[in-house]
Amino acid sequence: MSLRYEVKRLYLGREYPLGYNYFRPRCHRAFMSQADETDPGKIREGIQRAEYVKKEIEALLVFRYDNFGVDRVR
């Protein structure tokens, strides 16, 4: 994995609305709860679910910054 993607993921957590200290332990717990999974189908489902959650967080951040920009212009 390249450094660019690691940094991007780190910043996604830091920009989480409740903060990095809220985000990190919950994210870690979610990954660790699935650490023993060996079924390839379930692993693929987990990856798809993680991609969905990532897109939702990114959408919330875009919405947050778009609203912030609109409020600053007024």
N, C-alpha and C. Protein backbone atom coordinates (compact mmCIF):
# COMPACT_ATOMS: atom_id res chain seq x y z
N MET A 1 0.86 -1.18 0.00
CA MET A 1 0.00 0.00 0.00
C MET A 1 0.90 1.24 0.00
N SER A 2 0.55 2.18 -0.82
CA SER A 2 1.39 3.37 -0.92
C SER A 2 1.12 4.32 0.26
N LEU A 3 2.08 5.15 0.49
CA LEU A 3 1.99 6.11 1.59
C LEU A 3 0.83 7.08 1.38
N ARG A 4 0.55 7.40 0.12
CA ARG A 4 -0.54 8.33 -0.19
C ARG A 4 -1.87 7.82 0.36
N TYR A 5 -2.16 6.54 0.15
CA TYR A 5 -3.43 5.99 0.62
C TYR A 5 -3.47 5.90 2.14
N GLU A 6 -2.35 5.59 2.76
CA GLU A 6 -2.32 5.53 4.22
C GLU A 6 -2.61 6.91 4.81
N VAL A 7 -2.00 7.93 4.24
CA VAL A 7 -2.22 9.29 4.73
C VAL A 7 -3.66 9.71 4.51
N LYS A 8 -4.22 9.37 3.35
CA LYS A 8 -5.61 9.73 3.05
C LYS A 8 -6.54 9.09 4.08
N ARG A 9 -6.30 7.84 4.41
CA ARG A 9 -7.15 7.17 5.40
C ARG A 9 -7.01 7.81 6.77
N LEU A 10 -5.79 8.18 7.11
CA LEU A 10 -5.56 8.84 8.39
C LEU A 10 -6.33 10.15 8.47
N TYR A 11 -6.29 10.94 7.41
CA TYR A 11 -7.01 12.21 7.41
C TYR A 11 -8.51 12.01 7.40
N LEU A 12 -9.00 10.94 6.78
CA LEU A 12 -10.44 10.67 6.85
C LEU A 12 -10.86 10.50 8.30
N GLY A 13 -10.05 9.80 9.07
CA GLY A 13 -10.35 9.62 10.48
C GLY A 13 -10.26 10.91 11.27
N ARG A 14 -9.28 11.74 10.95
CA ARG A 14 -9.12 12.99 11.69
C ARG A 14 -10.23 13.98 11.40
N GLU A 15 -10.81 13.89 10.23
CA GLU A 15 -11.88 14.80 9.86
C GLU A 15 -13.25 14.26 10.26
N TYR A 16 -13.29 13.12 10.91
CA TYR A 16 -14.56 12.55 11.35
C TYR A 16 -15.24 13.55 12.28
N PRO A 17 -16.55 13.74 12.15
CA PRO A 17 -17.24 14.80 12.92
C PRO A 17 -17.00 14.75 14.43
N LEU A 18 -16.86 13.58 15.01
CA LEU A 18 -16.65 13.50 16.46
C LEU A 18 -15.17 13.44 16.83
N GLY A 19 -14.29 13.52 15.85
CA GLY A 19 -12.86 13.58 16.12
C GLY A 19 -12.15 12.25 15.99
N TYR A 20 -10.84 12.35 15.87
CA TYR A 20 -9.99 11.17 15.67
C TYR A 20 -10.00 10.26 16.89
N ASN A 21 -10.04 10.82 18.08
CA ASN A 21 -10.04 10.00 19.30
C ASN A 21 -11.31 9.18 19.43
N TYR A 22 -12.39 9.61 18.80
CA TYR A 22 -13.63 8.84 18.78
C TYR A 22 -13.56 7.79 17.67
N PHE A 23 -13.01 8.19 16.52
CA PHE A 23 -13.00 7.35 15.33
C PHE A 23 -12.05 6.16 15.45
N ARG A 24 -10.82 6.39 15.88
CA ARG A 24 -9.79 5.37 15.82
C ARG A 24 -10.11 4.10 16.61
N PRO A 25 -10.50 4.19 17.88
CA PRO A 25 -10.77 2.94 18.61
C PRO A 25 -11.94 2.15 18.02
N ARG A 26 -12.94 2.84 17.51
CA ARG A 26 -14.08 2.14 16.92
C ARG A 26 -13.70 1.48 15.61
N CYS A 27 -12.89 2.17 14.84
CA CYS A 27 -12.41 1.59 13.58
C CYS A 27 -11.55 0.36 13.87
N HIS A 28 -10.66 0.48 14.84
CA HIS A 28 -9.79 -0.64 15.21
C HIS A 28 -10.61 -1.83 15.70
N ARG A 29 -11.60 -1.56 16.52
CA ARG A 29 -12.46 -2.63 17.04
C ARG A 29 -13.21 -3.33 15.91
N ALA A 30 -13.68 -2.54 14.92
CA ALA A 30 -14.41 -3.12 13.79
C ALA A 30 -13.50 -4.04 12.98
N PHE A 31 -12.26 -3.64 12.77
CA PHE A 31 -11.33 -4.49 12.03
C PHE A 31 -10.98 -5.73 12.83
N MET A 32 -10.70 -5.56 14.11
CA MET A 32 -10.28 -6.69 14.93
C MET A 32 -11.40 -7.71 15.13
N SER A 33 -12.65 -7.27 15.09
CA SER A 33 -13.75 -8.22 15.24
C SER A 33 -13.85 -9.15 14.04
N GLN A 34 -13.27 -8.76 12.92
CA GLN A 34 -13.30 -9.58 11.71
C GLN A 34 -11.94 -10.21 11.39
N ALA A 35 -10.98 -10.10 12.28
CA ALA A 35 -9.62 -10.55 12.01
C ALA A 35 -9.51 -12.05 11.78
N ASP A 36 -10.39 -12.84 12.37
CA ASP A 36 -10.31 -14.29 12.25
C ASP A 36 -11.10 -14.84 11.07
N GLU A 37 -11.72 -13.98 10.30
CA GLU A 37 -12.55 -14.42 9.17
C GLU A 37 -11.68 -15.03 8.08
N THR A 38 -12.06 -16.24 7.62
CA THR A 38 -11.29 -16.93 6.58
C THR A 38 -12.11 -17.21 5.33
N ASP A 39 -13.42 -17.06 5.39
CA ASP A 39 -14.28 -17.31 4.24
C ASP A 39 -14.10 -16.18 3.21
N PRO A 40 -13.63 -16.50 1.99
CA PRO A 40 -13.40 -15.46 0.98
C PRO A 40 -14.66 -14.64 0.66
N GLY A 41 -15.82 -15.26 0.66
CA GLY A 41 -17.06 -14.54 0.38
C GLY A 41 -17.36 -13.49 1.43
N LYS A 42 -17.19 -13.87 2.69
CA LYS A 42 -17.44 -12.92 3.78
C LYS A 42 -16.39 -11.81 3.81
N ILE A 43 -15.17 -12.15 3.43
CA ILE A 43 -14.12 -11.12 3.37
C ILE A 43 -14.46 -10.11 2.29
N ARG A 44 -14.91 -10.58 1.12
CA ARG A 44 -15.31 -9.67 0.04
C ARG A 44 -16.48 -8.78 0.48
N GLU A 45 -17.45 -9.37 1.18
CA GLU A 45 -18.58 -8.58 1.68
C GLU A 45 -18.10 -7.51 2.65
N GLY A 46 -17.16 -7.85 3.50
CA GLY A 46 -16.61 -6.88 4.44
C GLY A 46 -15.89 -5.74 3.74
N ILE A 47 -15.15 -6.08 2.69
CA ILE A 47 -14.46 -5.04 1.92
C ILE A 47 -15.46 -4.13 1.25
N GLN A 48 -16.52 -4.69 0.69
CA GLN A 48 -17.56 -3.88 0.05
C GLN A 48 -18.24 -2.97 1.07
N ARG A 49 -18.50 -3.50 2.26
CA ARG A 49 -19.13 -2.69 3.31
C ARG A 49 -18.19 -1.55 3.73
N ALA A 50 -16.90 -1.85 3.84
CA ALA A 50 -15.92 -0.82 4.21
C ALA A 50 -15.84 0.27 3.15
N GLU A 51 -15.89 -0.12 1.88
CA GLU A 51 -15.87 0.87 0.79
C GLU A 51 -17.10 1.76 0.86
N TYR A 52 -18.25 1.17 1.17
CA TYR A 52 -19.48 1.94 1.30
C TYR A 52 -19.37 2.96 2.43
N VAL A 53 -18.87 2.51 3.56
CA VAL A 53 -18.73 3.40 4.72
C VAL A 53 -17.75 4.52 4.39
N LYS A 54 -16.65 4.19 3.71
CA LYS A 54 -15.67 5.21 3.32
C LYS A 54 -16.31 6.27 2.43
N LYS A 55 -17.11 5.83 1.47
CA LYS A 55 -17.78 6.78 0.57
C LYS A 55 -18.77 7.65 1.33
N GLU A 56 -19.46 7.08 2.29
CA GLU A 56 -20.41 7.85 3.10
C GLU A 56 -19.68 8.92 3.91
N ILE A 57 -18.55 8.56 4.50
CA ILE A 57 -17.78 9.53 5.28
C ILE A 57 -17.26 10.64 4.37
N GLU A 58 -16.76 10.26 3.19
CA GLU A 58 -16.28 11.27 2.25
C GLU A 58 -17.42 12.20 1.83
N ALA A 59 -18.61 11.65 1.62
CA ALA A 59 -19.76 12.48 1.23
C ALA A 59 -20.13 13.44 2.35
N LEU A 60 -20.09 12.97 3.59
CA LEU A 60 -20.38 13.85 4.72
C LEU A 60 -19.36 14.98 4.82
N LEU A 61 -18.10 14.66 4.56
CA LEU A 61 -17.07 15.69 4.62
C LEU A 61 -17.25 16.72 3.52
N VAL A 62 -17.58 16.28 2.32
CA VAL A 62 -17.82 17.20 1.21
C VAL A 62 -19.01 18.09 1.55
N PHE A 63 -20.07 17.50 2.08
CA PHE A 63 -21.26 18.25 2.47
C PHE A 63 -20.91 19.28 3.54
N ARG A 64 -20.11 18.86 4.50
CA ARG A 64 -19.71 19.75 5.60
C ARG A 64 -18.92 20.94 5.07
N TYR A 65 -17.96 20.69 4.22
CA TYR A 65 -17.14 21.78 3.69
C TYR A 65 -17.91 22.64 2.71
N ASP A 66 -18.82 22.06 1.93
CA ASP A 66 -19.64 22.85 1.02
C ASP A 66 -20.52 23.80 1.81
N ASN A 67 -21.13 23.31 2.86
CA ASN A 67 -21.98 24.17 3.69
C ASN A 67 -21.16 25.25 4.38
N PHE A 68 -19.97 24.90 4.81
CA PHE A 68 -19.11 25.87 5.46
C PHE A 68 -18.74 26.99 4.49
N GLY A 69 -18.43 26.61 3.25
CA GLY A 69 -18.10 27.61 2.24
C GLY A 69 -19.26 28.52 1.93
N VAL A 70 -20.48 27.97 1.87
CA VAL A 70 -21.67 28.78 1.58
C VAL A 70 -21.91 29.75 2.72
N ASP A 71 -21.76 29.30 3.95
CA ASP A 71 -21.99 30.17 5.10
C ASP A 71 -20.96 31.30 5.16
N ARG A 72 -19.75 31.04 4.73
CA ARG A 72 -18.71 32.07 4.78
C ARG A 72 -18.94 33.15 3.74
N VAL A 73 -19.57 32.79 2.61
CA VAL A 73 -19.80 33.75 1.54
C VAL A 73 -20.88 34.73 1.94
N ARG A 74 -21.85 34.27 2.68
CA ARG A 74 -22.99 35.11 3.06
C ARG A 74 -22.62 36.21 3.97
